[in-house]
Amino acid sequence: SSAAPAESGTEATPSPSPSSSAASSAPDHGAVIQVLNGTGTQGYAGQQATILNQAGYAGTSAANADGWATQTSTVYYEDPSMEGTAKDIASKLGIDNVRQESGLGNPDIVVVLR
């Protein structure tokens, strides 16, 4: 086997190509995503939302994380069909925590930055 540079961070588990993966595991680029800034850094959520917009997630908005008690950056999803999308978003933003959470309301996915 050739030693290719491991830039993607997925060298341990090869991911299926988008054309052959099941619909449930393919990221839903039409998801409504809210990126919430829980840091003291002004504009940080906007920067992260821009990363997602550039990755094809057009329905991404940024706001402040008022009332979220999480201590670490976390990607939340409510509908089980959004799990693959949440994991894709987490990998794009370098976030390790992905959790299912009920009561998110309108956004399909909420990213809380800490």
N, C-alpha and C. Protein backbone atom coordinates (compact mmCIF):
# COMPACT_ATOMS: atom_id res chain seq x y z
N SER A 1 0.84 -1.19 0.00
CA SER A 1 0.00 0.00 0.00
C SER A 1 0.88 1.24 0.00
N SER A 2 0.46 2.25 -0.71
CA SER A 2 1.24 3.49 -0.79
C SER A 2 0.95 4.36 0.42
N ALA A 3 1.92 5.14 0.84
CA ALA A 3 1.76 6.01 2.00
C ALA A 3 1.28 7.38 1.52
N ALA A 4 -0.02 7.52 1.37
CA ALA A 4 -0.59 8.79 0.94
C ALA A 4 -0.72 9.71 2.14
N PRO A 5 -0.58 11.00 1.94
CA PRO A 5 -0.75 11.92 3.09
C PRO A 5 -2.17 11.83 3.66
N ALA A 6 -2.25 11.74 4.97
CA ALA A 6 -3.56 11.59 5.61
C ALA A 6 -4.08 12.96 6.00
N GLU A 7 -4.56 13.71 5.02
CA GLU A 7 -5.02 15.07 5.29
C GLU A 7 -6.45 15.08 5.81
N SER A 8 -7.25 14.10 5.38
CA SER A 8 -8.67 14.15 5.72
C SER A 8 -8.95 13.66 7.13
N GLY A 9 -8.03 12.93 7.73
CA GLY A 9 -8.26 12.44 9.07
C GLY A 9 -9.16 11.22 9.10
N THR A 10 -9.45 10.65 7.93
CA THR A 10 -10.33 9.48 7.89
C THR A 10 -9.58 8.24 7.43
N GLU A 11 -8.26 8.20 7.67
CA GLU A 11 -7.48 7.08 7.17
C GLU A 11 -7.86 5.76 7.83
N ALA A 12 -8.40 5.81 9.05
CA ALA A 12 -8.74 4.58 9.75
C ALA A 12 -10.02 3.94 9.21
N THR A 13 -10.96 4.76 8.79
CA THR A 13 -12.22 4.23 8.27
C THR A 13 -12.49 4.84 6.90
N PRO A 14 -12.32 4.06 5.85
CA PRO A 14 -12.60 4.61 4.52
C PRO A 14 -14.08 4.95 4.39
N SER A 15 -14.36 6.12 3.87
CA SER A 15 -15.76 6.51 3.75
C SER A 15 -16.24 6.18 2.34
N PRO A 16 -17.49 5.76 2.21
CA PRO A 16 -18.01 5.42 0.88
C PRO A 16 -18.11 6.68 0.02
N SER A 17 -18.00 6.51 -1.27
CA SER A 17 -18.13 7.66 -2.15
C SER A 17 -19.59 8.12 -2.13
N PRO A 18 -19.83 9.42 -2.33
CA PRO A 18 -21.21 9.93 -2.24
C PRO A 18 -22.18 9.21 -3.16
N SER A 19 -21.71 8.72 -4.31
CA SER A 19 -22.62 8.08 -5.25
C SER A 19 -23.11 6.72 -4.77
N SER A 20 -22.33 6.05 -3.91
CA SER A 20 -22.72 4.71 -3.50
C SER A 20 -23.25 4.65 -2.08
N SER A 21 -23.19 5.77 -1.34
CA SER A 21 -23.64 5.72 0.05
C SER A 21 -25.16 5.79 0.14
N ALA A 22 -25.70 5.25 1.20
CA ALA A 22 -27.15 5.27 1.40
C ALA A 22 -27.60 6.71 1.64
N ALA A 23 -28.83 6.99 1.29
CA ALA A 23 -29.33 8.36 1.41
C ALA A 23 -29.30 8.84 2.85
N SER A 24 -29.51 7.93 3.80
CA SER A 24 -29.57 8.34 5.20
C SER A 24 -28.22 8.78 5.73
N SER A 25 -27.12 8.26 5.17
CA SER A 25 -25.82 8.63 5.68
C SER A 25 -25.19 9.77 4.89
N ALA A 26 -25.74 10.10 3.74
CA ALA A 26 -25.20 11.22 2.96
C ALA A 26 -25.62 12.52 3.62
N PRO A 27 -24.71 13.49 3.68
CA PRO A 27 -25.08 14.78 4.30
C PRO A 27 -26.20 15.46 3.53
N ASP A 28 -27.13 16.03 4.27
CA ASP A 28 -28.25 16.77 3.68
C ASP A 28 -27.85 18.24 3.62
N HIS A 29 -27.41 18.68 2.44
CA HIS A 29 -26.94 20.06 2.31
C HIS A 29 -28.09 21.07 2.35
N GLY A 30 -29.33 20.58 2.40
CA GLY A 30 -30.47 21.47 2.54
C GLY A 30 -30.89 21.66 3.98
N ALA A 31 -30.13 21.09 4.91
CA ALA A 31 -30.47 21.18 6.33
C ALA A 31 -30.42 22.63 6.81
N VAL A 32 -31.31 22.95 7.75
CA VAL A 32 -31.29 24.27 8.39
C VAL A 32 -30.35 24.17 9.58
N ILE A 33 -29.28 24.95 9.55
CA ILE A 33 -28.23 24.84 10.56
C ILE A 33 -28.08 26.18 11.27
N GLN A 34 -28.04 26.13 12.58
CA GLN A 34 -27.81 27.32 13.39
C GLN A 34 -26.49 27.16 14.11
N VAL A 35 -25.56 28.08 13.86
CA VAL A 35 -24.27 28.06 14.52
C VAL A 35 -24.31 29.11 15.63
N LEU A 36 -24.16 28.65 16.88
CA LEU A 36 -24.31 29.54 18.03
C LEU A 36 -22.97 29.78 18.70
N ASN A 37 -22.64 31.03 18.92
CA ASN A 37 -21.37 31.42 19.51
C ASN A 37 -21.48 31.46 21.02
N GLY A 38 -20.82 30.51 21.68
CA GLY A 38 -20.77 30.50 23.14
C GLY A 38 -19.41 30.92 23.65
N THR A 39 -18.58 31.48 22.76
CA THR A 39 -17.26 31.96 23.15
C THR A 39 -17.32 33.46 23.35
N GLY A 40 -16.25 34.03 23.81
CA GLY A 40 -16.19 35.48 23.94
C GLY A 40 -15.68 36.16 22.68
N THR A 41 -15.44 35.37 21.63
CA THR A 41 -14.85 35.90 20.41
C THR A 41 -15.95 36.42 19.48
N GLN A 42 -15.94 37.72 19.26
CA GLN A 42 -16.94 38.35 18.40
C GLN A 42 -16.79 37.83 16.96
N GLY A 43 -17.91 37.42 16.35
CA GLY A 43 -17.88 37.00 14.96
C GLY A 43 -17.45 35.57 14.72
N TYR A 44 -17.17 34.82 15.79
CA TYR A 44 -16.68 33.45 15.62
C TYR A 44 -17.73 32.54 14.97
N ALA A 45 -18.98 32.65 15.39
CA ALA A 45 -20.04 31.83 14.80
C ALA A 45 -20.19 32.16 13.32
N GLY A 46 -20.05 33.44 12.97
CA GLY A 46 -20.14 33.83 11.57
C GLY A 46 -19.05 33.20 10.73
N GLN A 47 -17.84 33.14 11.29
CA GLN A 47 -16.72 32.51 10.58
C GLN A 47 -17.01 31.03 10.35
N GLN A 48 -17.52 30.36 11.37
CA GLN A 48 -17.80 28.93 11.26
C GLN A 48 -18.96 28.69 10.29
N ALA A 49 -19.97 29.58 10.32
CA ALA A 49 -21.10 29.46 9.39
C ALA A 49 -20.61 29.62 7.95
N THR A 50 -19.65 30.51 7.74
CA THR A 50 -19.09 30.70 6.39
C THR A 50 -18.42 29.43 5.90
N ILE A 51 -17.70 28.74 6.79
CA ILE A 51 -17.08 27.46 6.42
C ILE A 51 -18.15 26.49 5.92
N LEU A 52 -19.27 26.42 6.65
CA LEU A 52 -20.34 25.50 6.25
C LEU A 52 -21.00 25.94 4.96
N ASN A 53 -21.20 27.26 4.79
CA ASN A 53 -21.77 27.76 3.54
C ASN A 53 -20.89 27.36 2.36
N GLN A 54 -19.58 27.50 2.52
CA GLN A 54 -18.64 27.16 1.45
C GLN A 54 -18.63 25.66 1.19
N ALA A 55 -18.99 24.87 2.20
CA ALA A 55 -19.04 23.41 2.05
C ALA A 55 -20.36 22.96 1.42
N GLY A 56 -21.25 23.91 1.12
CA GLY A 56 -22.50 23.58 0.44
C GLY A 56 -23.73 23.63 1.31
N TYR A 57 -23.58 23.97 2.58
CA TYR A 57 -24.74 24.08 3.48
C TYR A 57 -25.28 25.51 3.40
N ALA A 58 -26.23 25.72 2.50
CA ALA A 58 -26.71 27.08 2.24
C ALA A 58 -27.59 27.62 3.36
N GLY A 59 -28.25 26.73 4.11
CA GLY A 59 -29.19 27.18 5.14
C GLY A 59 -28.55 27.37 6.50
N THR A 60 -27.35 27.95 6.52
CA THR A 60 -26.62 28.12 7.77
C THR A 60 -26.70 29.56 8.25
N SER A 61 -27.04 29.74 9.52
CA SER A 61 -27.08 31.08 10.10
C SER A 61 -26.27 31.09 11.39
N ALA A 62 -25.92 32.28 11.85
CA ALA A 62 -25.12 32.42 13.06
C ALA A 62 -25.84 33.30 14.07
N ALA A 63 -25.67 32.98 15.35
CA ALA A 63 -26.27 33.76 16.44
C ALA A 63 -25.45 33.50 17.70
N ASN A 64 -25.88 34.07 18.81
CA ASN A 64 -25.22 33.83 20.09
C ASN A 64 -25.88 32.67 20.82
N ALA A 65 -25.08 31.92 21.58
CA ALA A 65 -25.56 30.73 22.28
C ALA A 65 -26.10 31.09 23.65
N ASP A 66 -27.15 31.86 23.70
CA ASP A 66 -27.74 32.23 24.98
C ASP A 66 -28.53 31.06 25.55
N GLY A 67 -28.24 30.71 26.81
CA GLY A 67 -29.01 29.68 27.48
C GLY A 67 -28.53 28.26 27.25
N TRP A 68 -27.43 28.07 26.52
CA TRP A 68 -26.90 26.72 26.31
C TRP A 68 -25.85 26.44 27.37
N ALA A 69 -26.01 25.33 28.09
CA ALA A 69 -25.15 25.03 29.22
C ALA A 69 -23.92 24.20 28.85
N THR A 70 -23.84 23.77 27.60
CA THR A 70 -22.73 22.89 27.22
C THR A 70 -21.38 23.55 27.44
N GLN A 71 -20.40 22.76 27.88
CA GLN A 71 -19.07 23.28 28.19
C GLN A 71 -18.09 23.11 27.03
N THR A 72 -18.43 22.25 26.07
CA THR A 72 -17.54 22.01 24.94
C THR A 72 -18.32 22.20 23.65
N SER A 73 -17.61 22.52 22.57
CA SER A 73 -18.27 22.68 21.27
C SER A 73 -18.97 21.38 20.92
N THR A 74 -20.24 21.49 20.53
CA THR A 74 -21.07 20.31 20.28
C THR A 74 -21.98 20.58 19.09
N VAL A 75 -22.21 19.54 18.28
CA VAL A 75 -23.18 19.60 17.19
C VAL A 75 -24.39 18.79 17.63
N TYR A 76 -25.56 19.43 17.69
CA TYR A 76 -26.80 18.78 18.10
C TYR A 76 -27.71 18.55 16.90
N TYR A 77 -28.39 17.41 16.90
CA TYR A 77 -29.41 17.14 15.89
C TYR A 77 -30.58 16.49 16.60
N GLU A 78 -31.79 16.63 16.03
CA GLU A 78 -32.97 16.03 16.66
C GLU A 78 -33.44 14.80 15.89
N ASP A 79 -33.62 14.92 14.59
CA ASP A 79 -34.12 13.83 13.76
C ASP A 79 -33.00 12.83 13.49
N PRO A 80 -33.23 11.54 13.76
CA PRO A 80 -32.18 10.54 13.52
C PRO A 80 -31.63 10.56 12.09
N SER A 81 -32.44 11.00 11.13
CA SER A 81 -31.97 11.05 9.74
C SER A 81 -30.91 12.13 9.55
N MET A 82 -30.75 13.02 10.52
CA MET A 82 -29.77 14.10 10.43
C MET A 82 -28.42 13.73 11.04
N GLU A 83 -28.30 12.51 11.57
CA GLU A 83 -27.06 12.13 12.25
C GLU A 83 -25.85 12.23 11.32
N GLY A 84 -25.97 11.69 10.10
CA GLY A 84 -24.85 11.75 9.16
C GLY A 84 -24.47 13.17 8.81
N THR A 85 -25.49 14.02 8.65
CA THR A 85 -25.24 15.43 8.35
C THR A 85 -24.54 16.10 9.52
N ALA A 86 -25.01 15.82 10.74
CA ALA A 86 -24.40 16.41 11.94
C ALA A 86 -22.94 16.00 12.04
N LYS A 87 -22.64 14.73 11.75
CA LYS A 87 -21.25 14.26 11.83
C LYS A 87 -20.39 14.91 10.76
N ASP A 88 -20.97 15.13 9.58
CA ASP A 88 -20.21 15.79 8.51
C ASP A 88 -19.90 17.24 8.90
N ILE A 89 -20.89 17.92 9.46
CA ILE A 89 -20.69 19.30 9.91
C ILE A 89 -19.63 19.35 11.01
N ALA A 90 -19.71 18.42 11.96
CA ALA A 90 -18.74 18.38 13.04
C ALA A 90 -17.32 18.20 12.49
N SER A 91 -17.17 17.32 11.49
CA SER A 91 -15.83 17.09 10.95
C SER A 91 -15.34 18.33 10.19
N LYS A 92 -16.25 19.04 9.53
CA LYS A 92 -15.85 20.25 8.81
C LYS A 92 -15.37 21.33 9.77
N LEU A 93 -15.94 21.36 10.98
CA LEU A 93 -15.60 22.40 11.95
C LEU A 93 -14.60 21.93 13.00
N GLY A 94 -14.18 20.68 12.92
CA GLY A 94 -13.21 20.17 13.88
C GLY A 94 -13.79 19.96 15.27
N ILE A 95 -15.08 19.57 15.33
CA ILE A 95 -15.77 19.35 16.61
C ILE A 95 -15.93 17.85 16.83
N ASP A 96 -15.63 17.39 18.04
CA ASP A 96 -15.69 15.96 18.33
C ASP A 96 -17.04 15.50 18.86
N ASN A 97 -17.80 16.38 19.49
CA ASN A 97 -19.05 15.98 20.14
C ASN A 97 -20.24 16.15 19.21
N VAL A 98 -20.96 15.05 18.98
CA VAL A 98 -22.20 15.07 18.21
C VAL A 98 -23.25 14.37 19.05
N ARG A 99 -24.36 15.06 19.32
CA ARG A 99 -25.38 14.50 20.22
C ARG A 99 -26.78 14.68 19.65
N GLN A 100 -27.64 13.69 19.92
CA GLN A 100 -29.04 13.83 19.58
C GLN A 100 -29.72 14.55 20.73
N GLU A 101 -30.55 15.52 20.40
CA GLU A 101 -31.19 16.36 21.42
C GLU A 101 -32.61 16.66 20.96
N SER A 102 -33.59 16.48 21.84
CA SER A 102 -34.97 16.79 21.45
C SER A 102 -35.27 18.25 21.73
N GLY A 103 -36.26 18.78 21.04
CA GLY A 103 -36.70 20.14 21.29
C GLY A 103 -35.88 21.23 20.64
N LEU A 104 -35.16 20.91 19.56
CA LEU A 104 -34.38 21.95 18.89
C LEU A 104 -35.26 22.96 18.17
N GLY A 105 -36.47 22.52 17.80
CA GLY A 105 -37.36 23.46 17.12
C GLY A 105 -37.08 23.51 15.63
N ASN A 106 -37.01 24.72 15.08
CA ASN A 106 -36.89 24.87 13.64
C ASN A 106 -35.59 24.37 13.04
N PRO A 107 -34.41 24.73 13.58
CA PRO A 107 -33.21 24.25 12.89
C PRO A 107 -33.09 22.74 12.97
N ASP A 108 -32.61 22.13 11.87
CA ASP A 108 -32.36 20.69 11.87
C ASP A 108 -31.15 20.38 12.74
N ILE A 109 -30.18 21.28 12.72
CA ILE A 109 -28.93 21.07 13.43
C ILE A 109 -28.52 22.35 14.12
N VAL A 110 -28.05 22.23 15.37
CA VAL A 110 -27.54 23.38 16.12
C VAL A 110 -26.09 23.09 16.48
N VAL A 111 -25.22 24.04 16.16
CA VAL A 111 -23.80 23.93 16.51
C VAL A 111 -23.55 24.95 17.62
N VAL A 112 -23.12 24.46 18.79
CA VAL A 112 -22.78 25.37 19.89
C VAL A 112 -21.27 25.41 19.99
N LEU A 113 -20.70 26.60 19.84
CA LEU A 113 -19.25 26.78 19.87
C LEU A 113 -18.82 27.20 21.27
N ARG A 114 -17.81 26.50 21.81
CA ARG A 114 -17.27 26.83 23.13
C ARG A 114 -15.77 26.99 23.05
